[in-house]
Protein backbone atom coordinates (compact mmCIF):
# COMPACT_ATOMS: atom_id res chain seq x y z
CA MET A 1 -27.03 58.92 9.81
CA THR A 2 -30.23 59.11 11.85
CA THR A 3 -30.83 58.80 15.59
CA PHE A 4 -34.13 57.28 16.64
CA ASN A 5 -35.24 58.44 20.10
CA LEU A 6 -37.33 56.34 22.48
CA PRO A 7 -40.87 57.20 21.31
CA ASP A 8 -43.79 58.51 23.31
CA LEU A 9 -45.11 55.47 25.18
CA GLY A 10 -48.58 56.86 25.74
CA GLU A 11 -50.65 57.23 28.93
CA GLY A 12 -48.29 59.93 30.21
CA LEU A 13 -45.37 57.51 30.69
CA THR A 14 -41.93 59.09 30.43
CA GLU A 15 -39.54 56.16 30.87
CA ALA A 16 -39.06 52.45 30.29
CA THR A 17 -36.68 49.72 31.41
CA LEU A 18 -34.61 48.10 28.64
CA LEU A 19 -35.17 44.33 28.83
CA SER A 20 -33.16 43.25 25.78
CA TRP A 21 -31.72 44.36 22.47
CA LEU A 22 -33.11 42.53 19.46
CA VAL A 23 -30.38 43.84 17.13
CA ALA A 24 -26.62 44.43 17.42
CA GLU A 25 -24.28 47.11 16.13
CA GLY A 26 -23.46 46.42 12.50
CA ASP A 27 -26.79 44.68 11.77
CA VAL A 28 -28.81 45.74 8.73
CA ILE A 29 -32.40 46.58 9.72
CA VAL A 30 -35.58 47.40 7.82
CA VAL A 31 -38.52 49.68 8.59
CA ASP A 32 -40.84 48.31 11.31
CA GLN A 33 -38.33 45.68 12.47
CA PRO A 34 -38.38 45.22 16.27
CA ILE A 35 -35.10 46.53 17.69
CA ALA A 36 -35.58 46.41 21.47
CA GLU A 37 -37.86 45.08 24.16
CA VAL A 38 -38.80 47.47 26.95
CA GLU A 39 -40.96 47.14 30.03
CA THR A 40 -43.53 49.84 30.63
CA ALA A 41 -47.25 50.40 30.91
CA LYS A 42 -47.32 47.17 32.92
CA SER A 43 -46.19 44.98 30.02
CA ALA A 44 -43.19 44.07 27.90
CA ILE A 45 -43.33 45.81 24.51
CA GLU A 46 -41.22 45.42 21.39
CA VAL A 47 -40.15 48.75 19.89
CA PRO A 48 -40.07 48.80 16.06
CA THR A 49 -37.82 51.18 14.09
CA PRO A 50 -39.16 53.71 11.58
CA TYR A 51 -35.76 53.76 9.80
CA ALA A 52 -33.83 51.30 7.64
CA GLY A 53 -30.05 50.97 7.36
CA VAL A 54 -27.05 49.81 9.36
CA VAL A 55 -27.06 49.97 13.16
CA THR A 56 -24.10 52.08 14.21
CA LYS A 57 -24.81 52.55 17.91
CA LEU A 58 -27.10 51.18 20.62
CA HIS A 59 -27.82 53.76 23.31
CA GLY A 60 -28.27 52.06 26.66
CA ALA A 61 -27.51 48.79 28.42
CA VAL A 62 -29.87 45.99 29.39
CA GLY A 63 -31.52 46.80 32.71
CA GLU A 64 -31.03 50.53 32.28
CA THR A 65 -33.90 53.02 32.54
CA LEU A 66 -34.47 54.83 29.25
CA ILE A 67 -36.15 58.23 29.02
CA VAL A 68 -38.68 59.20 26.35
CA ASP A 69 -37.15 61.48 23.68
CA GLU A 70 -33.59 60.41 24.48
CA PRO A 71 -31.53 58.41 21.92
CA LEU A 72 -32.37 54.73 21.54
CA ILE A 73 -30.52 53.66 18.37
CA THR A 74 -28.45 55.30 15.62
CA VAL A 75 -28.86 54.11 12.03
CA ALA A 76 -26.84 54.97 8.91
CA ALA A 77 -27.62 54.28 5.28
CA GLU A 78 -26.22 50.92 4.27
CA GLY A 79 -22.71 51.28 2.78
CA ASP A 80 -22.57 55.02 3.36
CA ALA A 81 -19.30 55.49 5.24
CA ASP A 82 -19.02 59.19 4.38
CA SER A 83 -22.38 60.00 5.88
CA LYS A 84 -21.43 58.14 9.06
CA SER A 85 -18.28 60.16 9.59
CA SER A 86 -19.85 63.47 8.69
CA ALA A 87 -22.89 62.85 10.87
CA GLY A 88 -20.68 61.79 13.76
CA SER A 89 -18.59 64.93 13.57
CA GLY A 90 -21.71 67.09 13.30
CA ALA A 91 -23.26 65.54 16.36
CA ALA A 92 -20.02 66.00 18.31
CA SER A 93 -19.87 69.66 17.40
CA ASN A 94 -23.38 70.66 18.40
CA GLY A 95 -24.18 68.00 21.03
CA THR A 96 -27.56 67.16 19.51
CA THR A 97 -29.05 64.50 17.30
CA ASP A 98 -29.32 65.08 13.55
CA ALA A 99 -32.12 66.91 11.76
CA GLY A 100 -33.74 63.67 10.70
CA ALA A 101 -34.42 62.60 14.26
CA LEU A 102 -35.78 66.02 15.17
CA SER A 103 -38.10 66.14 12.19
CA TYR A 104 -39.44 62.69 12.99
CA ARG A 105 -40.23 63.75 16.55
CA GLU A 106 -41.93 66.89 15.24
CA GLU A 107 -44.04 64.83 12.91
CA GLU A 108 -45.10 62.15 15.38
CA ARG A 109 -45.83 64.54 18.25
CA ALA A 110 -47.25 67.59 16.49
CA GLY A 111 -49.12 65.66 13.82
CA THR A 112 -47.61 67.76 11.02
CA VAL A 113 -45.25 67.22 8.13
CA PRO A 114 -41.62 68.15 8.98
CA ALA A 115 -40.61 71.68 8.18
CA THR A 116 -38.41 72.47 5.19
CA GLY A 117 -34.79 71.79 5.98
CA SER A 118 -35.58 68.93 8.33
CA VAL A 119 -35.04 66.25 5.70
CA THR A 120 -32.60 63.50 6.54
CA ASP A 121 -29.16 63.14 4.99
CA PRO A 122 -29.43 63.52 1.17
CA ALA A 123 -27.13 60.51 0.87
CA ALA A 124 -29.84 58.35 2.44
CA PRO A 125 -32.95 58.77 0.24
CA ASP A 126 -34.56 55.61 1.59
CA ALA A 127 -34.38 56.92 5.15
CA ALA A 128 -35.80 60.26 3.97
CA ALA A 129 -38.69 58.52 2.24
CA ALA A 130 -39.41 56.43 5.33
CA GLU A 131 -39.36 59.58 7.44
CA GLU A 132 -41.79 61.49 5.26
CA GLU A 133 -44.30 58.69 4.94
CA GLY A 134 -43.68 57.25 8.43
CA SER A 135 -43.64 53.65 9.46
CA GLY A 136 -47.37 53.51 9.99
CA ASN A 137 -46.66 51.50 13.13
CA VAL A 138 -48.75 52.72 16.04
CA LEU A 139 -48.07 49.83 18.43
CA ILE A 140 -46.80 52.04 21.25
CA GLY A 141 -48.01 55.47 20.22
CA TYR A 142 -45.94 56.55 17.24
CA GLY A 143 -46.28 56.48 13.48
CA THR A 144 -47.44 59.02 10.95
CA SER A 145 -50.86 59.86 9.62
CA THR A 146 -49.96 59.01 6.02
CA ALA A 147 -50.33 55.29 6.62
CA LYS A 148 -53.70 55.88 8.25
CA SER A 149 -55.12 57.91 5.39
CA SER A 150 -54.11 55.53 2.65
CA GLY A 151 -54.21 51.78 2.27
CA ARG A 152 -50.73 51.85 0.67
CA ARG A 153 -47.72 53.99 1.56
CA ARG A 154 -47.10 56.74 -0.95
CA ARG A 155 -43.53 57.03 -2.14
CA ARG A 156 -42.01 60.04 -3.83
CA SER A 157 -40.53 59.69 -7.25
CA GLY A 158 -36.79 60.00 -7.72
CA ALA A 159 -37.22 63.50 -9.21
CA SER A 160 -39.22 64.80 -6.27
CA ARG A 161 -36.66 63.37 -3.85
CA GLN A 162 -33.88 65.18 -5.68
CA VAL A 163 -35.78 68.46 -5.53
CA ALA A 164 -36.48 68.00 -1.81
CA THR A 165 -32.90 67.14 -0.94
CA GLY A 166 -31.70 70.06 -3.03
CA GLY A 167 -34.05 72.34 -1.13
CA ALA A 168 -32.67 71.03 2.13
CA ALA A 169 -29.12 71.76 1.02
CA ALA A 170 -30.09 75.27 0.00
CA ALA A 171 -31.75 75.85 3.34
CA ALA A 172 -28.63 74.68 5.14
CA GLY A 173 -26.51 77.16 3.19
CA SER A 174 -28.75 80.17 3.67
CA SER A 175 -30.34 81.31 6.92
CA SER A 176 -32.23 84.24 5.44
CA ALA A 177 -34.98 82.41 3.53
CA PRO A 178 -36.20 78.85 3.22
CA ALA A 179 -35.60 76.97 0.00
CA PRO A 180 -38.52 76.53 -2.41
CA ALA A 181 -40.15 73.13 -2.33
CA PRO A 182 -42.17 71.25 -4.94
CA ASP A 183 -45.96 71.23 -4.81
CA SER A 184 -46.43 67.94 -6.60
CA ALA A 185 -47.14 65.81 -3.53
CA PRO A 186 -48.99 66.80 -0.34
CA SER A 187 -46.52 64.90 1.86
CA THR A 188 -43.40 66.84 0.73
CA ALA A 189 -41.71 69.58 2.70
CA GLY A 190 -43.34 72.25 0.52
CA SER A 191 -46.73 71.68 2.14
CA ALA A 192 -45.35 71.64 5.70
CA GLN A 193 -47.38 73.13 8.48
CA LYS A 194 -45.68 74.92 11.30
CA ALA A 195 -45.44 72.88 14.45
CA PRO A 196 -47.36 74.20 17.46
CA ARG A 197 -45.56 76.10 20.15
CA VAL A 198 -45.64 73.07 22.48
CA SER A 199 -44.63 69.79 20.88
CA SER A 200 -47.06 67.49 22.73
CA PRO A 201 -49.53 67.25 25.63
CA LEU A 202 -46.82 65.30 27.48
CA VAL A 203 -44.63 68.41 27.50
CA ARG A 204 -47.50 70.60 28.67
CA ARG A 205 -48.31 68.19 31.49
CA LEU A 206 -44.67 67.95 32.58
CA ALA A 207 -44.47 71.75 32.85
CA ARG A 208 -47.74 71.91 34.77
CA GLU A 209 -46.63 69.27 37.30
CA HIS A 210 -43.49 71.30 38.07
CA SER A 211 -45.32 74.68 38.18
CA LEU A 212 -43.47 76.04 35.16
CA SER A 213 -45.00 78.70 32.94
CA LEU A 214 -44.63 77.75 29.28
CA ASN A 215 -44.69 81.44 28.34
CA ALA A 216 -41.46 81.91 30.29
CA LEU A 217 -39.61 79.20 28.37
CA THR A 218 -37.67 79.64 25.14
CA GLY A 219 -38.21 76.76 22.77
CA SER A 220 -35.24 75.19 21.00
CA GLY A 221 -37.37 73.50 18.35
CA PRO A 222 -38.32 74.87 14.93
CA ASP A 223 -40.14 78.23 15.07
CA GLY A 224 -39.54 78.35 18.81
CA MET A 225 -41.46 75.14 19.55
CA ILE A 226 -40.99 74.07 23.18
CA LEU A 227 -39.62 70.53 23.42
CA ARG A 228 -39.45 68.18 26.37
CA ALA A 229 -35.73 68.87 26.65
CA ASP A 230 -36.50 72.58 27.22
CA VAL A 231 -38.85 71.79 30.11
CA LEU A 232 -36.36 69.34 31.67
CA ALA A 233 -33.60 71.94 31.42
CA ALA A 234 -35.81 74.49 33.20
CA ILE A 235 -36.63 71.95 35.92
CA ASP A 236 -32.95 71.12 36.46
CA SER A 237 -32.08 74.83 36.55
CA SER A 238 -34.79 75.49 39.12
CA THR A 239 -33.62 72.58 41.28
CA GLN A 240 -30.00 73.74 41.20
CA THR A 241 -31.00 77.31 42.03
CA THR A 242 -33.05 76.18 45.02
CA GLY A 243 -30.22 73.98 46.23
CA ALA A 244 -27.70 76.79 45.87
CA GLN A 245 -29.91 79.19 47.86
CA GLU A 246 -30.29 76.68 50.68
CA ALA A 247 -26.58 75.94 50.70
CA SER A 248 -25.65 79.65 50.83
CA ALA A 249 -27.11 79.97 54.35
CA PRO A 250 -25.35 77.30 56.48
CA ALA A 251 -26.45 76.65 60.02
CA GLU A 252 -24.82 78.63 62.82
CA GLY A 253 -21.70 76.92 64.11
CA ALA A 254 -21.23 74.81 60.98
CA ALA A 255 -17.69 73.63 60.32
CA PRO A 256 -15.61 75.43 57.65
CA GLY A 257 -16.41 74.13 54.20
CA ALA A 258 -19.86 72.87 55.23
CA ASP A 259 -21.56 75.29 52.83
CA ALA A 260 -19.45 74.02 49.95
CA ALA A 261 -20.28 70.43 50.84
CA ALA A 262 -23.98 71.28 50.95
CA SER A 263 -23.69 72.95 47.54
CA ASP A 264 -21.97 69.87 46.10
CA ALA A 265 -24.68 67.66 47.57
CA ALA A 266 -27.44 69.83 46.08
CA HIS A 267 -25.73 69.78 42.68
CA SER A 268 -25.30 66.01 42.88
CA SER A 269 -28.97 65.56 43.77
CA ALA A 270 -30.08 67.69 40.83
CA GLY A 271 -27.81 65.89 38.42
CA SER A 272 -28.80 62.41 39.53
CA SER A 273 -32.55 62.76 39.09
CA ARG A 274 -32.58 59.93 36.55
CA PRO A 275 -31.00 56.86 38.15
CA THR A 276 -30.63 53.76 36.05
CA ALA A 277 -32.31 50.49 36.92
CA GLY A 278 -28.98 48.85 37.60
CA SER A 279 -27.92 51.24 40.33
CA THR A 280 -28.75 50.33 43.91
CA SER A 281 -27.85 53.56 45.65
CA THR A 282 -26.44 57.02 45.08
CA GLY A 283 -23.71 57.78 47.56
CA ALA A 284 -23.63 56.50 51.13
CA ASN A 285 -26.50 54.30 52.25
CA PRO A 286 -28.67 55.66 55.07
CA PRO A 287 -28.25 53.93 58.44
CA ALA A 288 -30.43 50.90 59.00
CA PRO A 289 -33.34 51.50 61.44
CA GLY A 290 -32.95 50.01 64.89
CA GLY A 291 -29.59 48.45 64.09
CA LEU A 292 -30.97 46.11 61.41
CA GLU A 293 -28.63 45.11 58.63
CA VAL A 294 -29.78 45.85 55.08
CA ARG A 295 -30.15 42.53 53.26
CA GLU A 296 -30.86 43.87 49.75
CA ARG A 297 -31.79 47.00 47.80
CA VAL A 298 -34.00 46.35 44.77
CA PRO A 299 -34.68 49.14 42.24
CA MET A 300 -38.30 49.54 41.20
CA SER A 301 -38.97 47.91 37.83
CA GLY A 302 -40.68 49.69 34.98
CA MET A 303 -43.91 47.88 35.79
CA ARG A 304 -43.91 48.88 39.44
CA LYS A 305 -43.08 52.48 38.46
CA ALA A 306 -46.04 52.53 36.07
CA VAL A 307 -48.35 51.15 38.76
CA ALA A 308 -47.02 53.62 41.33
CA THR A 309 -47.47 56.57 38.97
CA THR A 310 -51.08 55.69 38.13
CA LEU A 311 -52.15 54.94 41.70
CA THR A 312 -50.39 57.98 43.16
CA ARG A 313 -52.04 60.25 40.62
CA SER A 314 -55.41 58.67 41.39
CA ARG A 315 -55.04 59.32 45.11
CA ARG A 316 -53.71 62.83 44.52
CA GLU A 317 -56.31 64.05 42.03
CA ILE A 318 -59.54 62.09 42.58
CA PRO A 319 -61.84 62.89 45.53
CA GLU A 320 -63.18 59.37 45.67
CA ALA A 321 -66.04 58.07 47.77
CA THR A 322 -66.91 54.46 48.55
CA VAL A 323 -70.22 52.60 48.82
CA TRP A 324 -70.59 48.91 49.71
CA GLN A 325 -73.41 46.37 50.01
CA ASP A 326 -73.67 42.76 51.18
CA VAL A 327 -75.12 40.48 48.50
CA ASP A 328 -76.69 37.01 48.68
CA MET A 329 -74.74 35.06 46.02
CA THR A 330 -76.55 31.74 46.54
CA GLU A 331 -78.69 31.92 43.41
CA VAL A 332 -75.95 33.06 41.04
CA LEU A 333 -73.69 30.25 42.24
CA ALA A 334 -76.50 27.76 41.67
CA LEU A 335 -77.03 29.18 38.17
CA ARG A 336 -73.36 28.82 37.35
CA ALA A 337 -73.39 25.22 38.57
CA ARG A 338 -76.31 24.44 36.22
CA LEU A 339 -74.58 26.17 33.31
CA LYS A 340 -71.43 24.18 34.00
CA VAL A 341 -73.32 20.87 33.88
CA GLN A 342 -75.01 21.88 30.65
CA ALA A 343 -71.72 23.02 29.13
CA GLU A 344 -70.14 19.64 29.86
CA LYS A 345 -72.96 17.93 27.99
CA ASP A 346 -72.70 20.33 25.04
CA GLY A 347 -68.91 20.35 24.92
CA THR A 348 -68.84 24.11 25.54
CA THR A 349 -67.55 26.33 28.35
CA ALA A 350 -69.68 27.79 31.12
CA PRO A 351 -69.16 31.46 31.97
CA SER A 352 -67.16 32.11 35.13
CA LEU A 353 -68.48 34.03 38.10
CA LEU A 354 -66.41 37.04 37.01
CA ALA A 355 -67.98 36.86 33.54
CA LEU A 356 -71.49 36.79 35.01
CA LEU A 357 -70.64 39.68 37.33
CA SER A 358 -69.20 41.63 34.39
CA ARG A 359 -72.39 41.03 32.38
CA PHE A 360 -74.47 42.51 35.20
CA VAL A 361 -72.02 45.39 35.60
CA LEU A 362 -72.36 46.26 31.90
CA ALA A 363 -76.16 46.20 32.24
CA GLY A 364 -75.86 48.54 35.20
CA LEU A 365 -73.58 50.91 33.30
CA SER A 366 -76.17 51.18 30.54
CA ARG A 367 -78.56 52.53 33.18
CA TYR A 368 -75.96 54.68 34.95
CA PRO A 369 -73.64 55.79 32.10
CA ASP A 370 -71.95 58.51 34.15
CA LEU A 371 -69.86 55.81 35.81
CA ALA A 372 -68.38 54.71 32.46
CA THR A 373 -66.89 58.10 31.58
CA ARG A 374 -63.47 59.68 31.87
CA LEU A 375 -62.48 63.02 33.36
CA GLU A 376 -59.78 64.52 31.13
CA ASP A 377 -57.79 67.75 30.98
CA THR A 378 -58.10 69.91 27.88
CA ALA A 379 -55.32 71.83 26.15
CA ALA A 380 -56.78 75.05 27.57
CA GLY A 381 -56.34 73.78 31.13
CA ALA A 382 -60.04 73.03 31.69
CA GLN A 383 -61.64 69.66 32.42
CA GLU A 384 -64.22 67.68 30.47
CA ILE A 385 -66.35 64.65 31.32
CA VAL A 386 -66.01 62.43 28.25
CA HIS A 387 -68.89 60.07 27.46
CA TYR A 388 -68.33 57.13 25.10
CA ASP A 389 -70.51 55.06 22.81
CA GLY A 390 -69.93 51.77 24.59
CA VAL A 391 -67.83 50.42 27.45
CA ASN A 392 -64.22 49.29 27.50
CA LEU A 393 -64.27 47.06 30.57
CA GLY A 394 -61.04 46.53 32.47
CA PHE A 395 -60.48 43.77 35.01
CA ALA A 396 -57.65 43.30 37.47
CA ALA A 397 -55.49 40.20 36.91
CA GLN A 398 -52.55 38.97 38.95
CA THR A 399 -49.56 37.75 36.93
CA PRO A 400 -46.01 36.62 37.84
CA ALA A 401 -44.83 40.10 36.83
CA GLY A 402 -47.41 41.89 38.97
CA LEU A 403 -50.95 43.25 38.80
CA VAL A 404 -52.22 44.22 35.34
CA VAL A 405 -55.58 45.50 34.07
CA PRO A 406 -56.43 44.06 30.64
CA VAL A 407 -59.26 45.81 28.79
CA ILE A 408 -62.14 44.22 26.86
CA ARG A 409 -63.11 46.63 24.10
CA HIS A 410 -66.84 47.19 23.48
CA ALA A 411 -67.64 44.70 26.23
CA GLU A 412 -71.31 45.73 26.13
CA ARG A 413 -71.65 43.80 22.85
CA LEU A 414 -70.62 40.48 24.41
CA SER A 415 -72.65 37.80 26.16
CA ALA A 416 -71.55 36.28 29.46
CA ARG A 417 -70.02 33.33 27.60
CA ALA A 418 -68.16 35.64 25.19
CA LEU A 419 -66.92 37.73 28.11
CA HIS A 420 -65.57 34.56 29.71
CA GLY A 421 -63.65 33.77 26.51
CA GLU A 422 -62.11 37.24 26.34
CA ILE A 423 -61.18 37.22 30.02
CA SER A 424 -59.48 33.84 29.64
CA ARG A 425 -57.58 34.94 26.53
CA LEU A 426 -56.32 38.20 28.01
CA VAL A 427 -55.34 36.62 31.34
CA GLY A 428 -53.42 33.89 29.50
CA GLU A 429 -51.52 36.43 27.39
CA ALA A 430 -50.80 38.59 30.44
CA ARG A 431 -49.39 35.69 32.46
CA GLU A 432 -47.19 34.67 29.52
CA GLY A 433 -45.97 38.26 29.14
CA LYS A 434 -47.34 38.47 25.59
CA ILE A 435 -50.15 40.98 26.09
CA SER A 436 -49.78 44.19 24.08
CA GLY A 437 -49.75 47.70 25.53
CA LYS A 438 -52.92 48.51 23.57
CA GLU A 439 -54.85 45.83 25.46
CA LEU A 440 -53.82 47.38 28.78
CA THR A 441 -55.08 50.89 28.05
CA GLY A 442 -58.29 52.66 27.11
CA GLY A 443 -60.59 51.32 29.85
CA THR A 444 -63.69 53.25 30.94
CA PHE A 445 -64.65 51.12 33.98
CA THR A 446 -62.86 48.40 35.97
CA VAL A 447 -63.95 45.29 37.87
CA ASN A 448 -61.72 43.78 40.58
CA ASN A 449 -62.27 40.36 42.14
CA TYR A 450 -60.01 40.52 45.19
CA GLY A 451 -62.00 37.74 46.85
CA VAL A 452 -59.70 35.22 45.14
CA PHE A 453 -56.97 36.40 47.54
CA GLY A 454 -59.12 35.65 50.58
CA SER A 455 -60.13 39.27 51.20
CA ASP A 456 -63.61 39.90 52.59
CA GLY A 457 -63.63 43.46 51.29
CA ALA A 458 -61.43 46.36 50.21
CA THR A 459 -61.50 49.96 49.03
CA PRO A 460 -60.19 49.71 45.45
CA ILE A 461 -58.28 52.60 43.92
CA ILE A 462 -59.81 54.10 40.78
CA ASN A 463 -57.78 53.48 37.63
CA HIS A 464 -57.10 57.09 36.57
CA PRO A 465 -58.58 58.73 34.45
CA GLU A 466 -61.62 56.46 34.87
CA VAL A 467 -64.24 57.52 37.42
CA GLY A 468 -65.34 54.21 38.93
CA ILE A 469 -64.24 50.72 39.94
CA LEU A 470 -66.28 47.82 41.36
CA GLY A 471 -64.76 45.22 43.69
CA ILE A 472 -66.09 41.96 45.10
CA GLY A 473 -64.80 40.10 48.15
CA ARG A 474 -64.74 36.40 48.94
CA ILE A 475 -67.98 34.44 49.31
CA LEU A 476 -68.70 33.22 52.85
CA ASP A 477 -71.39 31.18 54.56
CA ARG A 478 -73.35 33.64 56.68
CA ALA A 479 -76.63 33.81 58.54
CA TRP A 480 -79.15 35.57 56.29
CA ALA A 481 -82.82 36.39 56.65
CA VAL A 482 -84.89 34.67 53.94
CA ASP A 483 -88.67 35.22 54.00
CA GLY A 484 -88.48 36.19 57.65
CA GLU A 485 -86.42 33.20 58.72
CA LEU A 486 -82.72 32.73 59.28
CA ALA A 487 -80.83 30.58 56.79
CA VAL A 488 -77.23 29.91 55.85
CA ARG A 489 -76.52 31.68 52.57
CA LYS A 490 -73.50 32.44 50.38
CA VAL A 491 -72.78 36.11 50.96
CA ALA A 492 -70.18 38.51 49.54
CA THR A 493 -69.54 42.23 49.80
CA LEU A 494 -69.69 44.47 46.72
CA THR A 495 -67.82 47.77 46.86
CA ILE A 496 -67.77 50.66 44.41
CA ALA A 497 -65.30 53.57 44.55
CA PHE A 498 -66.32 56.55 42.41
CA ASP A 499 -65.10 60.01 41.51
CA HIS A 500 -67.32 62.45 43.41
CA ARG A 501 -66.54 65.19 40.89
CA VAL A 502 -68.41 63.29 38.19
CA CYS A 503 -71.33 61.68 40.02
CA ASP A 504 -72.99 61.63 43.41
CA GLY A 505 -73.89 58.92 45.91
CA GLY A 506 -77.33 58.46 44.37
CA THR A 507 -75.82 57.33 41.06
CA ALA A 508 -73.23 55.07 42.66
CA GLY A 509 -75.72 53.60 45.14
CA GLY A 510 -78.33 52.99 42.44
CA PHE A 511 -75.78 51.23 40.24
CA LEU A 512 -74.52 49.08 43.11
CA ASN A 513 -78.04 48.08 44.13
CA PHE A 514 -78.90 47.13 40.54
CA VAL A 515 -75.87 44.83 40.27
CA ALA A 516 -76.65 43.32 43.67
CA THR A 517 -80.25 42.62 42.63
CA CYS A 518 -79.05 40.90 39.46
CA LEU A 519 -76.72 38.65 41.46
CA GLU A 520 -79.45 37.76 43.97
CA ASP A 521 -81.97 36.89 41.22
CA PRO A 522 -79.85 36.19 38.11
CA SER A 523 -82.45 34.23 36.14
CA SER A 524 -84.89 37.14 36.09
CA ALA A 525 -82.07 39.60 35.38
CA LEU A 526 -80.71 37.61 32.42
CA ALA A 527 -84.18 37.51 30.88
CA ASP A 528 -84.07 41.30 30.54
CA LEU A 529 -80.45 41.59 29.35
């Protein structure tokens, strides 16, 4: 019996809202079959299983918030009743998931082959084979390297499986020395590398955000590896200790038993740090302000949590500066009108204003590449400015589910017409809720057209860990000096917000002026692009 935990969702996300189960208890499933639909990273994602067998338990109810690394589904080998009962009793006795689930997490997070003794139940050789070779599915950030290094999945022979399972049994019976393992295949337990002390960058980041020293923690994983559960336990312990210290010093004149009530409240607060999506409150509701009656309490959805996390981190970490410039859009609008007429004659599609703007932005980024970088933390705690060969251009799009930022990969290779096609495709998928998590991540610069909402201007928030975002407001008829005389022109305001740690005002201002010049004289600009 194997328990599959909710996998690492990427981009530092630690939770997801369960939208629906795609399987039921008692169903027979195969490797890579979608088992659940969750909402996170600003999209709905189907989670595939790396294990095959019979579903014995679904962990969580629809609408509930699931935490990364906590059980999602339990699977047993088909027709193996003995393994179900034995695995169930083992889990009840030690309060943890089985070795198979742990070894899979080690493999996907540490990038190594599971250590000897971490093989799944010998009675389920198919599950063991799937675990060693991995599902190869990297849709939402998990899957093993075996599938990447080979066009076909390598499977162990029956003899090698017997030797491996025998080694696992020997290891279970003796704690003094590990069992010997075969050296016939590089993916067997015999060639296992030791997992690093910290299981993933997600764990390191979680400890850093709560000011915990990893050296002070004792890892519960193999060879003392620190898991996410170890960091969470330390956080909970620290919270309870702080609450107990505050409760031990009640205010002067407090009623008898007030310190005990405060202690209970502190303990309750520490233990309820992970509310589910279905809960509306914890305990008594606070009084309504000014005598107003509370009409409704709505928990934040997974999408809104993801947006809040990204924007809060951006405001907290990035010392951003803003530069803006008014631009005469008359000529670019006239160009688009001509292209639209020509497209109708040819039976093609004319590029949108956003596509033309994006084409000029990409030309500007080729001249000012510092704005298309990312500022990332290293494992050693330092920071690096990462430059890329190309631009993954993100653009803000409003959907019924909220604001999303689809990403056009290698956008610098596309013409204005091709950019229009990609924008239309991604917006359509996003509004239908069919866009994948991969197409919402990996951007290196973002464009935001908030003028469609009637806004003259705004100060856009940088999409962390990018270092720049360009916004454009609505186009208005304004008095404008043309060749020394006043005329009515179509004018809009361009705004760029940039990370001042990476570049200075000269870079941002030069980029903004280049884009503005292209918009004011697009025919000349397109001749050079």
